[in-house]
Protein backbone atom coordinates (compact mmCIF):
# COMPACT_ATOMS: atom_id res chain seq x y z
CA UNK A 1 0.00 0.00 0.00
CA UNK A 2 1.24 3.47 -0.90
CA UNK A 3 0.05 6.94 0.06
CA UNK A 4 0.53 9.87 -2.29
CA UNK A 5 -0.72 13.44 -2.69
CA UNK A 6 -1.95 15.35 -5.70
CA UNK A 7 -2.69 18.99 -4.90
CA UNK A 8 -4.68 18.82 -1.63
CA UNK A 9 -5.96 15.27 -2.17
CA UNK A 10 -4.45 12.40 -0.21
CA UNK A 11 -4.73 9.11 -2.13
CA UNK A 12 -4.11 5.50 -1.16
CA UNK A 13 -2.83 3.04 -3.76
CA UNK A 14 -3.37 -0.60 -2.93
CA UNK A 15 -2.97 -3.85 -4.81
CA UNK A 16 -5.52 -6.64 -5.00
CA UNK A 17 -4.26 -9.90 -3.46
CA UNK A 18 -4.29 -11.68 -6.85
CA UNK A 19 -1.88 -9.11 -8.37
CA UNK A 20 1.70 -10.33 -7.99
CA UNK A 21 4.28 -7.72 -9.02
CA UNK A 22 7.64 -6.64 -7.69
CA UNK A 23 8.42 -3.35 -5.98
CA UNK A 24 9.92 -1.79 -9.16
CA UNK A 25 6.66 -2.38 -11.02
CA UNK A 26 4.71 -0.91 -8.11
CA UNK A 27 6.90 2.20 -8.31
CA UNK A 28 6.24 2.42 -12.07
CA UNK A 29 2.50 2.35 -11.37
CA UNK A 30 2.79 5.03 -8.70
CA UNK A 31 4.79 7.33 -11.02
CA UNK A 32 2.21 6.83 -13.80
CA UNK A 33 -0.52 7.96 -11.39
CA UNK A 34 1.50 10.99 -10.35
CA UNK A 35 1.82 11.93 -14.03
CA UNK A 36 -1.97 11.72 -14.38
CA UNK A 37 -2.21 14.33 -11.67
CA UNK A 38 -5.51 16.14 -11.47
CA UNK A 39 -7.08 13.84 -14.09
CA UNK A 40 -7.82 11.50 -11.17
CA UNK A 41 -10.49 13.98 -10.06
CA UNK A 42 -12.53 13.02 -13.16
CA UNK A 43 -13.35 9.59 -11.74
CA UNK A 44 -16.21 9.16 -9.33
CA UNK A 45 -16.76 6.42 -6.77
CA UNK A 46 -17.16 3.04 -8.45
CA UNK A 47 -15.48 4.02 -11.73
CA UNK A 48 -12.57 2.15 -13.26
CA UNK A 49 -9.82 3.07 -15.70
CA UNK A 50 -6.84 1.47 -17.43
CA UNK A 51 -3.27 2.65 -17.93
CA UNK A 52 -1.25 0.94 -20.67
CA UNK A 53 2.50 0.69 -20.06
CA UNK A 54 5.14 -0.98 -22.20
CA UNK A 55 6.92 -2.45 -19.19
CA UNK A 56 3.93 -3.94 -17.34
CA UNK A 57 0.93 -4.09 -19.69
CA UNK A 58 -2.64 -2.94 -19.07
CA UNK A 59 -3.17 -1.93 -15.44
CA UNK A 60 -6.79 -1.91 -14.27
CA UNK A 61 -7.70 0.53 -11.48
CA UNK A 62 -10.88 0.70 -9.41
CA UNK A 63 -11.76 4.05 -7.80
CA UNK A 64 -13.22 4.50 -4.33
CA UNK A 65 -13.99 7.89 -2.85
CA UNK A 66 -15.89 6.79 0.26
CA UNK A 67 -14.62 6.77 2.99
CA UNK A 68 -11.21 7.75 1.49
CA UNK A 69 -9.63 8.33 -1.90
CA UNK A 70 -8.46 4.82 -2.77
CA UNK A 71 -7.17 3.39 -6.04
CA UNK A 72 -6.99 -0.40 -6.20
CA UNK A 73 -4.97 -2.19 -8.86
CA UNK A 74 -7.43 -4.99 -9.50
CA UNK A 75 -5.60 -6.68 -12.35
CA UNK A 76 -2.61 -6.47 -14.65
CA UNK A 77 -2.97 -7.85 -18.16
CA UNK A 78 0.28 -8.44 -20.06
CA UNK A 79 0.33 -7.33 -23.70
CA UNK A 80 0.38 -10.94 -24.90
CA UNK A 81 -3.16 -11.33 -23.50
CA UNK A 82 -4.68 -8.37 -25.39
CA UNK A 83 -7.18 -9.13 -28.16
CA UNK A 84 -8.94 -7.07 -30.79
CA UNK A 85 -12.26 -7.71 -32.48
CA UNK A 86 -11.90 -7.77 -36.24
CA UNK A 87 -15.25 -9.04 -37.42
CA UNK A 88 -16.02 -11.85 -37.70
CA UNK A 89 -13.16 -12.98 -35.45
CA UNK A 90 -11.15 -11.96 -32.42
CA UNK A 91 -7.39 -11.92 -32.87
CA UNK A 92 -4.40 -11.24 -30.63
CA UNK A 93 -3.59 -7.54 -30.69
CA UNK A 94 0.16 -7.95 -31.12
C-alpha atoms as a PDB file:
ATOM      1  CA  UNK A   1       0.000   0.000   0.000  1.00  0.00           C
ATOM      2  CA  UNK A   2       1.238   3.469  -0.902  1.00  0.00           C
ATOM      3  CA  UNK A   3       0.052   6.939   0.060  1.00  0.00           C
ATOM      4  CA  UNK A   4       0.525   9.872  -2.288  1.00  0.00           C
ATOM      5  CA  UNK A   5      -0.717  13.438  -2.685  1.00  0.00           C
ATOM      6  CA  UNK A   6      -1.950  15.352  -5.700  1.00  0.00           C
ATOM      7  CA  UNK A   7      -2.689  18.987  -4.899  1.00  0.00           C
ATOM      8  CA  UNK A   8      -4.677  18.816  -1.635  1.00  0.00           C
ATOM      9  CA  UNK A   9      -5.964  15.266  -2.166  1.00  0.00           C
ATOM     10  CA  UNK A  10      -4.453  12.396  -0.213  1.00  0.00           C
ATOM     11  CA  UNK A  11      -4.732   9.112  -2.130  1.00  0.00           C
ATOM     12  CA  UNK A  12      -4.105   5.501  -1.157  1.00  0.00           C
ATOM     13  CA  UNK A  13      -2.828   3.038  -3.763  1.00  0.00           C
ATOM     14  CA  UNK A  14      -3.374  -0.600  -2.927  1.00  0.00           C
ATOM     15  CA  UNK A  15      -2.970  -3.850  -4.809  1.00  0.00           C
ATOM     16  CA  UNK A  16      -5.520  -6.637  -4.999  1.00  0.00           C
ATOM     17  CA  UNK A  17      -4.259  -9.900  -3.462  1.00  0.00           C
ATOM     18  CA  UNK A  18      -4.286 -11.679  -6.849  1.00  0.00           C
ATOM     19  CA  UNK A  19      -1.884  -9.112  -8.374  1.00  0.00           C
ATOM     20  CA  UNK A  20       1.698 -10.328  -7.994  1.00  0.00           C
ATOM     21  CA  UNK A  21       4.277  -7.724  -9.021  1.00  0.00           C
ATOM     22  CA  UNK A  22       7.637  -6.638  -7.685  1.00  0.00           C
ATOM     23  CA  UNK A  23       8.416  -3.352  -5.982  1.00  0.00           C
ATOM     24  CA  UNK A  24       9.923  -1.795  -9.164  1.00  0.00           C
ATOM     25  CA  UNK A  25       6.658  -2.377 -11.022  1.00  0.00           C
ATOM     26  CA  UNK A  26       4.711  -0.906  -8.107  1.00  0.00           C
ATOM     27  CA  UNK A  27       6.898   2.204  -8.307  1.00  0.00           C
ATOM     28  CA  UNK A  28       6.238   2.421 -12.069  1.00  0.00           C
ATOM     29  CA  UNK A  29       2.499   2.349 -11.374  1.00  0.00           C
ATOM     30  CA  UNK A  30       2.787   5.028  -8.698  1.00  0.00           C
ATOM     31  CA  UNK A  31       4.785   7.326 -11.020  1.00  0.00           C
ATOM     32  CA  UNK A  32       2.213   6.829 -13.799  1.00  0.00           C
ATOM     33  CA  UNK A  33      -0.516   7.962 -11.389  1.00  0.00           C
ATOM     34  CA  UNK A  34       1.504  10.991 -10.351  1.00  0.00           C
ATOM     35  CA  UNK A  35       1.816  11.929 -14.034  1.00  0.00           C
ATOM     36  CA  UNK A  36      -1.967  11.718 -14.376  1.00  0.00           C
ATOM     37  CA  UNK A  37      -2.210  14.330 -11.666  1.00  0.00           C
ATOM     38  CA  UNK A  38      -5.511  16.141 -11.473  1.00  0.00           C
ATOM     39  CA  UNK A  39      -7.082  13.841 -14.091  1.00  0.00           C
ATOM     40  CA  UNK A  40      -7.817  11.496 -11.171  1.00  0.00           C
ATOM     41  CA  UNK A  41     -10.490  13.978 -10.064  1.00  0.00           C
ATOM     42  CA  UNK A  42     -12.530  13.025 -13.158  1.00  0.00           C
ATOM     43  CA  UNK A  43     -13.347   9.594 -11.739  1.00  0.00           C
ATOM     44  CA  UNK A  44     -16.207   9.160  -9.328  1.00  0.00           C
ATOM     45  CA  UNK A  45     -16.759   6.423  -6.766  1.00  0.00           C
ATOM     46  CA  UNK A  46     -17.163   3.042  -8.454  1.00  0.00           C
ATOM     47  CA  UNK A  47     -15.480   4.023 -11.734  1.00  0.00           C
ATOM     48  CA  UNK A  48     -12.574   2.148 -13.264  1.00  0.00           C
ATOM     49  CA  UNK A  49      -9.822   3.066 -15.700  1.00  0.00           C
ATOM     50  CA  UNK A  50      -6.842   1.468 -17.432  1.00  0.00           C
ATOM     51  CA  UNK A  51      -3.270   2.651 -17.928  1.00  0.00           C
ATOM     52  CA  UNK A  52      -1.248   0.941 -20.670  1.00  0.00           C
ATOM     53  CA  UNK A  53       2.500   0.686 -20.056  1.00  0.00           C
ATOM     54  CA  UNK A  54       5.144  -0.976 -22.204  1.00  0.00           C
ATOM     55  CA  UNK A  55       6.920  -2.453 -19.195  1.00  0.00           C
ATOM     56  CA  UNK A  56       3.928  -3.937 -17.341  1.00  0.00           C
ATOM     57  CA  UNK A  57       0.932  -4.087 -19.686  1.00  0.00           C
ATOM     58  CA  UNK A  58      -2.641  -2.939 -19.069  1.00  0.00           C
ATOM     59  CA  UNK A  59      -3.171  -1.931 -15.441  1.00  0.00           C
ATOM     60  CA  UNK A  60      -6.793  -1.907 -14.274  1.00  0.00           C
ATOM     61  CA  UNK A  61      -7.698   0.527 -11.482  1.00  0.00           C
ATOM     62  CA  UNK A  62     -10.884   0.702  -9.411  1.00  0.00           C
ATOM     63  CA  UNK A  63     -11.761   4.046  -7.797  1.00  0.00           C
ATOM     64  CA  UNK A  64     -13.216   4.497  -4.332  1.00  0.00           C
ATOM     65  CA  UNK A  65     -13.991   7.886  -2.847  1.00  0.00           C
ATOM     66  CA  UNK A  66     -15.889   6.790   0.256  1.00  0.00           C
ATOM     67  CA  UNK A  67     -14.623   6.769   2.991  1.00  0.00           C
ATOM     68  CA  UNK A  68     -11.214   7.746   1.486  1.00  0.00           C
ATOM     69  CA  UNK A  69      -9.632   8.331  -1.903  1.00  0.00           C
ATOM     70  CA  UNK A  70      -8.464   4.823  -2.773  1.00  0.00           C
ATOM     71  CA  UNK A  71      -7.173   3.386  -6.036  1.00  0.00           C
ATOM     72  CA  UNK A  72      -6.994  -0.397  -6.199  1.00  0.00           C
ATOM     73  CA  UNK A  73      -4.966  -2.190  -8.857  1.00  0.00           C
ATOM     74  CA  UNK A  74      -7.429  -4.987  -9.500  1.00  0.00           C
ATOM     75  CA  UNK A  75      -5.597  -6.679 -12.350  1.00  0.00           C
ATOM     76  CA  UNK A  76      -2.610  -6.468 -14.650  1.00  0.00           C
ATOM     77  CA  UNK A  77      -2.968  -7.848 -18.164  1.00  0.00           C
ATOM     78  CA  UNK A  78       0.280  -8.444 -20.060  1.00  0.00           C
ATOM     79  CA  UNK A  79       0.331  -7.332 -23.701  1.00  0.00           C
ATOM     80  CA  UNK A  80       0.375 -10.941 -24.905  1.00  0.00           C
ATOM     81  CA  UNK A  81      -3.155 -11.325 -23.497  1.00  0.00           C
ATOM     82  CA  UNK A  82      -4.684  -8.370 -25.386  1.00  0.00           C
ATOM     83  CA  UNK A  83      -7.183  -9.130 -28.155  1.00  0.00           C
ATOM     84  CA  UNK A  84      -8.938  -7.070 -30.790  1.00  0.00           C
ATOM     85  CA  UNK A  85     -12.256  -7.712 -32.477  1.00  0.00           C
ATOM     86  CA  UNK A  86     -11.898  -7.765 -36.241  1.00  0.00           C
ATOM     87  CA  UNK A  87     -15.248  -9.042 -37.416  1.00  0.00           C
ATOM     88  CA  UNK A  88     -16.021 -11.854 -37.703  1.00  0.00           C
ATOM     89  CA  UNK A  89     -13.164 -12.982 -35.447  1.00  0.00           C
ATOM     90  CA  UNK A  90     -11.148 -11.964 -32.418  1.00  0.00           C
ATOM     91  CA  UNK A  91      -7.389 -11.922 -32.871  1.00  0.00           C
ATOM     92  CA  UNK A  92      -4.400 -11.244 -30.627  1.00  0.00           C
ATOM     93  CA  UNK A  93      -3.588  -7.545 -30.686  1.00  0.00           C
ATOM     94  CA  UNK A  94       0.155  -7.954 -31.120  1.00  0.00           C
END
